[in-house]
Protein backbone atom coordinates (compact mmCIF):
# COMPACT_ATOMS: atom_id res chain seq x y z
CA MET A 1 -19.77 32.41 -25.62
CA LEU A 2 -19.55 35.53 -23.49
CA PRO A 3 -21.07 35.38 -19.99
CA THR A 4 -24.54 36.94 -19.80
CA HIS A 5 -23.50 40.04 -17.88
CA LEU A 6 -20.75 40.76 -20.42
CA LEU A 7 -23.31 40.78 -23.24
CA LYS A 8 -24.94 43.85 -21.74
CA MET A 9 -23.96 47.00 -23.59
CA SER A 10 -23.90 48.89 -20.28
CA PHE A 11 -20.86 46.94 -19.09
CA PHE A 12 -18.78 48.59 -21.83
CA GLU A 13 -20.69 51.87 -22.09
CA ASN A 14 -20.16 52.60 -18.39
CA CYS A 15 -16.40 52.44 -18.93
CA SER A 16 -14.65 55.52 -20.31
CA LYS A 17 -12.39 53.21 -22.35
CA GLY A 18 -15.11 50.97 -23.78
CA GLY A 19 -13.13 50.01 -26.89
CA GLU A 20 -10.11 48.91 -24.89
CA LEU A 21 -12.35 47.02 -22.47
CA ARG A 22 -14.02 45.13 -25.34
CA SER A 23 -10.64 44.08 -26.72
CA ILE A 24 -9.39 42.95 -23.32
CA THR A 25 -12.64 41.15 -22.56
CA PHE A 26 -12.48 39.34 -25.90
CA ALA A 27 -8.92 38.19 -25.17
CA LEU A 28 -9.98 37.14 -21.66
CA CYS A 29 -12.86 35.06 -23.04
CA PHE A 30 -10.55 33.38 -25.54
CA PHE A 31 -7.94 32.78 -22.84
CA HIS A 32 -10.59 31.27 -20.57
CA ALA A 33 -11.87 28.95 -23.30
CA VAL A 34 -8.36 27.81 -24.19
CA ILE A 35 -7.20 26.95 -20.68
CA VAL A 36 -10.47 25.13 -19.88
CA GLN A 37 -10.55 23.10 -23.10
CA ARG A 38 -6.80 22.38 -22.94
CA ARG A 39 -7.57 19.81 -20.24
CA LYS A 40 -8.60 17.29 -22.89
CA PHE A 41 -4.98 16.92 -24.01
CA GLY A 42 -4.11 15.35 -20.67
CA PRO A 43 -0.60 15.83 -19.25
CA GLN A 44 0.58 17.61 -22.40
CA GLY A 45 -2.14 20.16 -21.70
CA TRP A 46 -1.79 20.55 -17.93
CA ASN A 47 0.33 18.87 -15.27
CA GLY A 48 -2.51 19.27 -12.76
CA LYS A 49 -6.29 19.58 -12.73
CA TYR A 50 -7.59 23.04 -11.89
CA PRO A 51 -11.16 24.26 -11.23
CA PHE A 52 -11.18 27.22 -13.62
CA ASN A 53 -14.71 28.58 -13.79
CA GLU A 54 -16.82 31.39 -15.19
CA GLY A 55 -16.45 33.30 -11.92
CA ASP A 56 -12.74 33.75 -12.71
CA LEU A 57 -13.70 35.26 -16.07
CA ARG A 58 -16.32 37.60 -14.63
CA SER A 59 -14.00 38.82 -11.88
CA SER A 60 -11.13 39.37 -14.33
CA ALA A 61 -13.35 41.40 -16.67
CA GLN A 62 -14.51 43.57 -13.78
CA VAL A 63 -10.92 44.09 -12.62
CA ALA A 64 -9.99 45.13 -16.15
CA SER A 65 -12.82 47.70 -16.16
CA ASN A 66 -11.74 49.10 -12.78
CA TYR A 67 -8.08 49.39 -13.80
CA LEU A 68 -8.94 51.10 -17.07
CA GLU A 69 -10.93 53.70 -15.17
CA ALA A 70 -8.13 54.28 -12.67
CA ASN A 71 -5.26 54.63 -15.17
CA PRO A 72 -4.68 56.97 -18.12
CA LYS A 73 -3.11 54.13 -20.14
CA VAL A 74 -3.85 50.42 -20.16
CA PRO A 75 -1.71 48.90 -17.34
CA TRP A 76 -0.80 45.69 -19.20
CA ASP A 77 1.76 44.47 -16.67
CA ASP A 78 -0.68 44.91 -13.79
CA LEU A 79 -3.49 43.15 -15.66
CA ARG A 80 -1.33 40.21 -16.68
CA TYR A 81 -0.12 39.82 -13.09
CA ILE A 82 -3.62 39.94 -11.60
CA PHE A 83 -5.08 37.53 -14.17
CA GLY A 84 -2.13 35.14 -14.14
CA GLU A 85 -1.12 35.15 -10.49
CA ILE A 86 -4.38 35.86 -8.66
CA MET A 87 -7.60 35.31 -10.59
CA TYR A 88 -6.58 32.24 -12.58
CA GLY A 89 -3.14 31.65 -11.11
CA GLY A 90 -4.66 31.23 -7.67
CA HIS A 91 -5.89 27.80 -8.78
CA VAL A 92 -2.56 26.71 -10.24
CA THR A 93 -0.18 24.76 -7.99
CA ASP A 94 2.41 23.46 -10.48
CA ASP A 95 5.29 25.79 -11.40
CA TRP A 96 5.32 24.70 -15.04
CA ASP A 97 1.57 25.23 -15.34
CA ARG A 98 2.03 28.70 -13.88
CA LYS A 99 4.57 29.42 -16.61
CA LEU A 100 1.99 28.25 -19.16
CA VAL A 101 -0.64 30.69 -17.85
CA LYS A 102 1.93 33.49 -17.96
CA ALA A 103 2.95 32.59 -21.52
CA TYR A 104 -0.65 32.68 -22.74
CA LEU A 105 -1.26 36.08 -21.17
CA GLU A 106 1.96 37.50 -22.59
CA THR A 107 0.78 36.33 -26.02
CA TYR A 108 -2.77 37.67 -25.77
CA MET A 109 -2.48 40.75 -23.54
CA GLY A 110 -0.44 43.59 -25.00
CA GLU A 111 -0.73 46.96 -26.69
CA GLU A 112 -1.05 45.34 -30.13
CA LEU A 113 -4.30 43.69 -29.00
CA LEU A 114 -6.08 47.03 -29.38
CA GLU A 115 -5.38 47.07 -33.12
CA GLY A 116 -6.04 43.37 -33.58
CA ILE A 117 -3.63 40.43 -33.43
CA GLU A 118 -3.50 36.96 -34.97
CA ILE A 119 -4.44 35.17 -31.79
CA PHE A 120 -3.77 31.87 -33.53
CA PRO A 121 -2.90 31.12 -37.18
CA GLY A 122 -5.82 32.08 -39.38
CA PHE A 123 -7.85 34.08 -36.85
CA MET A 124 -7.51 37.76 -35.99
CA THR A 125 -8.97 39.46 -32.95
CA PRO A 126 -11.57 42.10 -33.87
CA GLY A 127 -9.71 45.05 -32.35
CA ASN A 128 -11.55 47.81 -30.46
CA SER A 129 -13.60 49.33 -33.28
CA LEU A 130 -16.50 46.84 -33.20
CA ASN A 131 -19.36 46.90 -30.74
CA THR A 132 -20.46 43.88 -28.70
CA LYS A 133 -23.01 42.55 -31.20
CA GLN A 134 -20.56 42.91 -34.07
CA ILE A 135 -17.90 41.01 -32.13
CA ILE A 136 -20.31 38.15 -31.42
CA SER A 137 -21.30 38.03 -35.10
CA TYR A 138 -17.61 38.09 -36.09
CA VAL A 139 -16.81 35.14 -33.83
CA GLU A 140 -19.76 33.10 -35.13
CA THR A 141 -18.80 33.63 -38.77
CA ALA A 142 -15.01 33.96 -38.81
CA MET A 143 -13.68 31.64 -36.12
CA PRO A 144 -12.39 28.33 -37.57
CA GLY A 145 -13.26 24.93 -36.07
CA GLU A 146 -11.36 23.78 -33.01
CA THR A 147 -7.94 22.23 -33.62
CA PRO A 148 -4.81 21.85 -31.45
CA ILE A 149 -3.42 24.90 -33.26
CA CYS A 150 -6.03 27.05 -31.45
CA PHE A 151 -4.32 26.08 -28.18
CA GLY A 152 -0.80 26.68 -29.47
CA LEU A 153 -0.20 22.92 -29.66
CA HIS A 154 1.13 20.93 -32.61
CA PRO A 155 -1.52 19.04 -34.65
CA ASN A 156 0.07 15.81 -33.39
CA ALA A 157 -1.54 16.56 -30.01
CA GLU A 158 -4.85 15.51 -31.54
CA ILE A 159 -3.39 12.08 -32.28
CA GLY A 160 -2.27 11.75 -28.68
CA PHE A 161 -5.73 12.78 -27.49
CA ARG A 162 -7.42 10.20 -29.74
CA LEU A 163 -5.02 7.49 -28.62
CA GLN A 164 -5.83 8.24 -24.98
CA LYS A 165 -9.55 7.99 -25.72
CA ALA A 166 -9.10 4.73 -27.61
CA ASP A 167 -6.92 3.27 -24.86
CA SER A 168 -9.52 4.19 -22.23
CA LEU A 169 -12.29 2.64 -24.35
CA PHE A 170 -10.44 -0.65 -24.84
CA LYS A 171 -9.55 -0.84 -21.13
CA ASN A 172 -13.23 -0.43 -20.26
CA ILE A 173 -14.17 -3.12 -22.75
CA GLN A 174 -11.50 -5.43 -21.32
CA GLU A 175 -12.83 -4.96 -17.80
CA LEU A 176 -16.28 -6.01 -18.99
CA GLN A 177 -14.98 -9.25 -20.47
CA PRO A 178 -15.36 -12.46 -18.43
CA ARG A 179 -11.98 -13.26 -16.91
CA SER A 180 -12.44 -16.95 -17.53
CA ALA A 181 -12.20 -16.34 -21.27
CA GLY A 182 -8.91 -17.25 -22.90
CA SER A 183 -6.50 -14.66 -24.26
CA GLY A 184 -3.48 -16.84 -24.91
CA GLY A 185 -5.15 -19.14 -27.39
CA ALA A 186 -8.44 -20.86 -28.05
CA GLY A 187 -9.74 -22.72 -25.02
CA MET A 188 -7.05 -21.52 -22.60
CA SER A 189 -8.29 -20.79 -19.11
CA LEU A 190 -7.20 -18.05 -16.71
CA GLN A 191 -4.85 -20.50 -14.99
CA ASP A 192 -3.39 -21.72 -18.30
CA VAL A 193 -2.56 -18.22 -19.51
CA ALA A 194 -1.11 -17.20 -16.13
CA LYS A 195 1.01 -20.35 -15.96
CA GLN A 196 2.34 -19.85 -19.47
CA ARG A 197 3.40 -16.26 -18.81
CA LEU A 198 4.75 -17.18 -15.37
CA ASP A 199 7.04 -19.83 -16.87
CA GLU A 200 8.29 -17.41 -19.52
CA MET A 201 9.14 -14.79 -16.91
CA VAL A 202 10.83 -17.24 -14.52
CA GLU A 203 13.00 -18.47 -17.38
CA LYS A 204 14.17 -14.97 -18.33
CA LEU A 205 14.29 -13.36 -14.88
CA PRO A 206 17.94 -12.55 -14.04
CA ASP A 207 19.58 -13.30 -10.72
CA MET A 208 20.10 -10.57 -8.17
CA ILE A 209 23.37 -8.64 -8.48
CA ASP A 210 25.89 -9.50 -5.74
CA TYR A 211 25.93 -6.20 -3.85
CA ASN A 212 28.30 -7.37 -1.10
CA GLU A 213 30.86 -8.61 -3.63
CA ILE A 214 30.89 -5.18 -5.29
CA VAL A 215 31.35 -3.42 -1.93
CA ASP A 216 34.27 -5.75 -1.12
CA ARG A 217 35.93 -4.97 -4.46
CA LEU A 218 35.56 -1.26 -3.84
CA ALA A 219 37.12 -1.65 -0.39
CA ALA A 220 40.02 -3.61 -1.89
CA ASP A 221 40.61 -0.79 -4.38
CA GLY A 222 40.93 1.74 -1.58
CA GLY A 223 37.30 2.34 -0.71
CA ASP A 224 37.10 5.73 -2.44
CA ARG A 225 33.54 6.10 -3.72
CA THR A 226 32.72 8.69 -6.30
CA PRO A 227 29.22 10.22 -6.43
CA TYR A 228 28.54 8.04 -9.47
CA THR A 229 29.53 4.93 -7.52
CA SER A 230 27.00 5.78 -4.84
CA VAL A 231 24.28 6.24 -7.48
CA PHE A 232 24.86 2.84 -9.03
CA LEU A 233 25.10 1.09 -5.67
CA GLN A 234 21.75 2.59 -4.67
CA GLU A 235 20.31 1.48 -8.00
CA ILE A 236 21.54 -2.08 -7.43
CA GLU A 237 20.02 -2.14 -3.94
CA ARG A 238 16.62 -1.11 -5.27
CA MET A 239 16.83 -3.44 -8.25
CA ASN A 240 17.67 -6.41 -6.00
CA ILE A 241 14.62 -5.65 -3.86
CA LEU A 242 12.43 -5.60 -6.97
CA LEU A 243 13.94 -8.80 -8.42
CA LYS A 244 13.51 -10.58 -5.11
CA GLY A 245 9.87 -9.49 -4.87
CA ILE A 246 9.12 -10.65 -8.42
CA LYS A 247 10.84 -13.99 -7.95
CA LEU A 248 9.14 -14.82 -4.65
CA SER A 249 5.65 -13.92 -5.88
CA LEU A 250 6.12 -15.95 -9.09
CA LEU A 251 7.38 -18.99 -7.15
CA GLU A 252 4.47 -18.76 -4.70
CA LEU A 253 1.93 -18.57 -7.53
CA ASP A 254 3.61 -21.50 -9.28
CA LEU A 255 3.26 -23.60 -6.13
CA GLY A 256 -0.35 -22.44 -5.81
CA LEU A 257 -1.18 -23.47 -9.37
CA LYS A 258 0.38 -26.89 -8.70
CA GLY A 259 -1.76 -27.29 -5.58
CA ASP A 260 1.16 -27.20 -3.14
CA LEU A 261 -0.03 -23.89 -1.59
CA GLN A 262 -3.45 -22.42 -1.00
CA ILE A 263 -4.24 -19.59 -3.41
CA SER A 264 -4.17 -16.30 -1.47
CA ASP A 265 -5.61 -12.92 -2.46
CA ALA A 266 -2.16 -11.71 -3.49
CA MET A 267 -1.60 -14.77 -5.64
CA MET A 268 -5.01 -14.32 -7.24
CA GLY A 269 -4.15 -10.68 -7.96
CA LEU A 270 -0.91 -11.74 -9.64
CA MET A 271 -2.77 -14.37 -11.66
CA TYR A 272 -5.21 -11.80 -13.03
CA ALA A 273 -2.33 -9.37 -13.74
CA LEU A 274 -0.50 -12.01 -15.78
CA PHE A 275 -3.72 -12.90 -17.60
CA GLU A 276 -4.48 -9.25 -18.46
CA ASP A 277 -0.84 -8.30 -19.22
CA ARG A 278 -0.78 -5.76 -16.38
CA VAL A 279 2.04 -4.98 -13.97
CA PHE A 280 1.20 -6.57 -10.62
CA LYS A 281 0.55 -3.86 -8.01
CA ASN A 282 3.00 -5.35 -5.51
CA TRP A 283 5.73 -5.13 -8.17
CA ALA A 284 4.79 -1.59 -9.16
CA ASP A 285 5.12 -0.52 -5.50
CA LEU A 286 8.73 -1.75 -5.51
CA ALA A 287 9.56 -0.46 -9.00
CA TYR A 288 10.04 2.79 -10.87
CA PRO A 289 7.16 4.86 -12.33
CA SER A 290 5.93 3.31 -15.57
CA ALA A 291 2.66 3.10 -17.50
CA ARG A 292 3.74 0.16 -19.68
CA MET A 293 1.86 -3.10 -20.05
CA LEU A 294 3.51 -6.13 -18.43
CA SER A 295 5.19 -7.54 -21.56
CA SER A 296 6.89 -4.25 -22.41
CA TRP A 297 7.59 -3.51 -18.73
CA PHE A 298 9.40 -6.83 -18.28
CA LEU A 299 11.60 -6.27 -21.36
CA ASN A 300 12.46 -2.82 -20.02
CA LEU A 301 13.30 -4.39 -16.65
CA LEU A 302 15.82 -6.69 -18.35
CA GLU A 303 17.46 -3.67 -20.03
CA ARG A 304 17.77 -1.91 -16.69
CA VAL A 305 19.36 -4.95 -15.06
CA LYS A 306 21.78 -5.29 -17.99
CA GLN A 307 23.06 -1.74 -17.50
CA LEU A 308 23.70 -2.39 -13.80
CA GLN A 309 25.42 -5.69 -14.58
CA ASP A 310 27.67 -3.96 -17.10
CA TRP A 311 28.60 -1.30 -14.55
CA SER A 312 29.43 -3.93 -11.92
CA GLY A 313 32.10 -5.29 -14.26
CA ASP A 314 34.61 -2.42 -14.02
CA LEU A 315 32.78 -0.10 -11.57
CA GLN A 316 33.49 2.89 -13.81
CA LEU A 317 31.07 5.49 -15.11
CA PRO A 318 29.81 4.23 -18.50
CA LYS A 319 30.85 6.20 -21.55
CA CYS A 320 27.14 6.71 -22.12
CA THR A 321 24.55 6.09 -19.40
CA GLN A 322 20.95 5.25 -20.22
CA ILE A 323 19.48 7.67 -17.69
CA SER A 324 15.95 6.48 -18.45
CA ASN A 325 16.88 3.07 -17.04
CA LEU A 326 17.53 4.37 -13.53
CA PHE A 327 15.14 4.23 -10.59
CA ASN A 328 16.24 7.68 -9.49
CA PRO A 329 17.61 9.73 -12.41
CA GLN A 330 17.62 12.84 -10.16
CA SER A 331 20.44 11.29 -8.11
CA PHE A 332 22.54 10.92 -11.28
CA ILE A 333 22.06 14.62 -12.07
CA THR A 334 23.09 15.45 -8.50
CA ALA A 335 26.18 13.24 -8.90
CA VAL A 336 27.24 15.31 -11.93
CA MET A 337 26.99 18.46 -9.81
CA GLN A 338 28.84 16.92 -6.87
CA THR A 339 31.67 15.67 -9.09
CA THR A 340 32.07 19.11 -10.69
CA ALA A 341 31.97 20.84 -7.31
CA ARG A 342 34.68 18.56 -5.93
CA ALA A 343 36.93 18.93 -8.97
CA ASN A 344 36.79 22.73 -8.91
CA SER A 345 36.32 23.32 -5.16
CA TRP A 346 33.06 25.15 -5.88
CA PRO A 347 30.16 25.39 -3.44
CA LEU A 348 27.32 23.17 -4.59
CA ASP A 349 24.69 25.88 -4.24
CA ARG A 350 26.43 28.00 -6.90
CA LEU A 351 26.03 25.36 -9.59
CA VAL A 352 23.26 24.75 -12.09
CA THR A 353 22.75 21.98 -14.64
CA ALA A 354 23.65 22.60 -18.28
CA THR A 355 22.88 20.31 -21.21
CA GLU A 356 24.52 19.94 -24.61
CA VAL A 357 22.81 17.90 -27.32
CA THR A 358 25.44 16.17 -29.45
CA ARG A 359 25.15 14.46 -32.84
CA PHE A 360 26.30 11.09 -31.51
CA THR A 361 24.27 7.95 -31.00
CA LYS A 362 24.77 5.76 -27.95
CA GLU A 363 26.73 3.25 -30.04
CA GLN A 364 29.03 5.95 -31.39
CA MET A 365 29.64 7.34 -27.92
CA ASN A 366 30.45 3.88 -26.52
CA ALA A 367 32.95 3.41 -29.36
CA GLN A 368 34.97 6.39 -28.13
CA LYS A 369 38.30 5.65 -26.44
CA SER A 370 37.29 7.36 -23.21
CA ALA A 371 34.37 9.02 -21.48
CA VAL A 372 33.72 12.75 -21.86
CA SER A 373 36.18 14.90 -19.95
CA GLU A 374 33.54 17.06 -18.29
CA GLY A 375 30.13 15.99 -17.01
CA ALA A 376 28.49 12.77 -18.19
CA ALA A 377 27.12 11.53 -21.50
CA VAL A 378 23.57 10.22 -21.21
CA THR A 379 20.83 8.94 -23.47
CA GLY A 380 17.19 7.97 -23.11
CA PHE A 381 15.47 11.34 -23.65
CA LEU A 382 12.32 11.44 -25.76
CA LEU A 383 11.11 14.85 -26.94
CA GLU A 384 7.34 15.40 -26.94
CA GLY A 385 5.64 18.35 -28.64
CA ALA A 386 8.64 19.29 -30.81
CA ARG A 387 11.64 17.74 -32.53
CA TRP A 388 15.37 18.31 -32.50
CA ASP A 389 16.93 19.59 -35.73
CA ASP A 390 20.33 17.87 -35.87
CA LYS A 391 21.67 20.12 -38.62
CA ALA A 392 20.65 23.42 -37.03
CA GLY A 393 21.24 22.20 -33.48
CA ASN A 394 17.99 23.57 -32.04
CA LEU A 395 14.31 22.87 -31.47
CA ASP A 396 11.91 22.77 -34.41
CA ASP A 397 8.29 21.85 -35.08
CA SER A 398 7.42 18.16 -34.96
CA LYS A 399 6.92 16.24 -38.16
CA PRO A 400 3.36 15.03 -38.82
CA LYS A 401 2.43 11.81 -37.00
CA GLU A 402 5.72 11.74 -35.04
CA LEU A 403 4.59 12.18 -31.45
CA PHE A 404 8.01 11.52 -29.91
CA GLN A 405 11.58 11.89 -31.08
CA GLU A 406 14.58 10.32 -29.39
CA LEU A 407 17.35 12.82 -28.76
CA PRO A 408 20.95 12.00 -29.62
CA VAL A 409 23.41 11.64 -26.75
CA VAL A 410 23.18 14.56 -24.32
CA ILE A 411 26.14 15.73 -22.26
CA ILE A 412 25.02 16.89 -18.83
CA LYS A 413 27.35 19.31 -17.10
CA SER A 414 27.36 21.64 -14.13
CA VAL A 415 28.33 25.28 -14.47
CA THR A 416 28.28 28.25 -12.16
CA VAL A 417 25.13 30.35 -12.24
CA ASP A 418 26.84 33.25 -14.04
CA LYS A 419 27.93 30.98 -16.93
CA ALA A 420 24.55 29.36 -17.55
CA GLU A 421 23.07 29.96 -21.01
CA THR A 422 20.07 32.26 -20.90
CA LYS A 423 19.83 33.58 -24.47
CA ASP A 424 17.96 31.72 -27.22
CA VAL A 425 17.24 28.73 -25.01
CA TYR A 426 14.16 26.89 -23.80
CA LEU A 427 14.18 25.64 -20.23
CA CYS A 428 12.65 22.26 -20.93
CA PRO A 429 11.18 20.17 -18.08
CA CYS A 430 12.08 16.49 -18.01
CA TYR A 431 9.72 13.86 -16.58
CA LYS A 432 10.03 10.15 -15.87
CA THR A 433 6.78 9.25 -17.66
CA GLN A 434 4.07 10.80 -19.84
CA ILE A 435 2.05 11.47 -16.68
CA ARG A 436 4.49 14.36 -16.11
CA GLY A 437 3.61 16.47 -13.01
CA PRO A 438 4.67 14.26 -10.06
CA ASN A 439 7.48 12.66 -12.10
CA TYR A 440 9.60 15.76 -12.66
CA VAL A 441 13.35 15.06 -12.91
CA PHE A 442 15.23 18.23 -13.88
CA THR A 443 15.27 21.13 -16.33
CA ALA A 444 17.24 20.72 -19.56
CA ILE A 445 18.52 23.70 -21.52
CA LEU A 446 17.70 23.33 -25.23
CA LYS A 447 18.68 25.83 -27.90
CA THR A 448 15.89 27.50 -29.88
CA LYS A 449 15.51 30.16 -32.54
CA ALA A 450 11.81 30.59 -31.78
CA PRO A 451 10.70 32.37 -28.59
CA ALA A 452 10.69 30.05 -25.57
CA ARG A 453 7.03 31.00 -25.09
CA LYS A 454 6.13 28.95 -28.18
CA TRP A 455 7.44 25.72 -26.63
CA ILE A 456 5.88 26.47 -23.24
CA ILE A 457 2.44 26.83 -24.83
CA GLY A 458 3.17 23.79 -27.02
CA GLY A 459 3.65 21.61 -23.95
CA VAL A 460 7.15 20.60 -25.04
CA ALA A 461 8.93 18.32 -22.57
CA LEU A 462 11.47 15.52 -22.32
CA ILE A 463 10.07 12.14 -21.31
CA LEU A 464 12.21 9.25 -20.06
CA ASP A 465 9.71 6.41 -20.44
CA ILE A 466 6.69 6.16 -22.72
CA VAL A 467 4.13 3.49 -23.48
CA PRO A 468 5.16 1.86 -26.79
CA ILE A 469 2.45 2.29 -29.43
């Protein structure tokens, strides 16, 4: 719906370029509707939450009218800048969301708009030949029903949206259930379920990795630490803190359930977390970002410990590192840059990260005789919003009902700024979890035949850790 003041014929009649103003105003209204409604798709829609409002639309339409009067031709660049950086962009704080706003405006606001463009598949803009009433009638009769395609998203985004709604509903239902009810079997109490899961976790929980023994071995070998060595040592330190916290809290609760200790608030919180299959808050504070339920989270924890244990065997960079199993994957990316800078005597500030998607699996890469000669081979990337075409070696549209696709092994390198690929590539953000925004890791360079704008609007990103469906 157009705002009331834009429905007045005088708004367009008072402008010497009324036809152009109608076309621009139509595109503005569609743009406004899209960015407001895109919120429902959660992090795939926007990294942040922004208070876009009708005032932004009214002000933008008035600015368009003023600029049309002041210029002999439509100043598209000026209009896109004002709409994207000031009127609407003034609300936007995330860099990737700002790119999204810019991509939408570059799609909608151009000279071809005056003749009519396919603003999304199956729907053309009315051009500048219709009057206001005819445009409203056209929208009411010709515009299809709302789908993710209207927003430039893949139809799979609707599945993700429905899953989020269902998950929220079931969580609300769970919170309304009496906590004394059994969930581990008929007649099992809160304490019974907690004790059962506690015993299972204590049995499988690995010992802490001997950090001091590793440091002594490094010293015996000459004490020369590579950037990768520092990364894994830091990972072991953080993992040991987490393992210690888990073990102590489980042992305390076990003693409390036996009656040897008085049940404290923290122990009660852990008991409820075990009962409801949630990650205990005290553990989450010591751990890495994750939205998994406790059962899946604990299995993932064991995988992370296994990778660190394997590294502590020979203290060499693995042939293929599961980057998604690190507390701080950013530090690993930095280590790649530092290693390259040292090897070539390049200043660090002249380097950028480059990525090459191979056709190898992790198992195939580990079967190689040696590690890659340049950079580091990593795995653990999940592509959301698109898929990787192995044969063509570039991005392609997702297949129906496949929300995520695991990438093959990716080789991460560092190159000087002048050698970075800039043609036919999509600068793809990588995040630790599906929450995106605050969990940004780095920008991967993925090859594409389609314009990069398509993937920006499609919310395409790499995710390191998702909630298993």
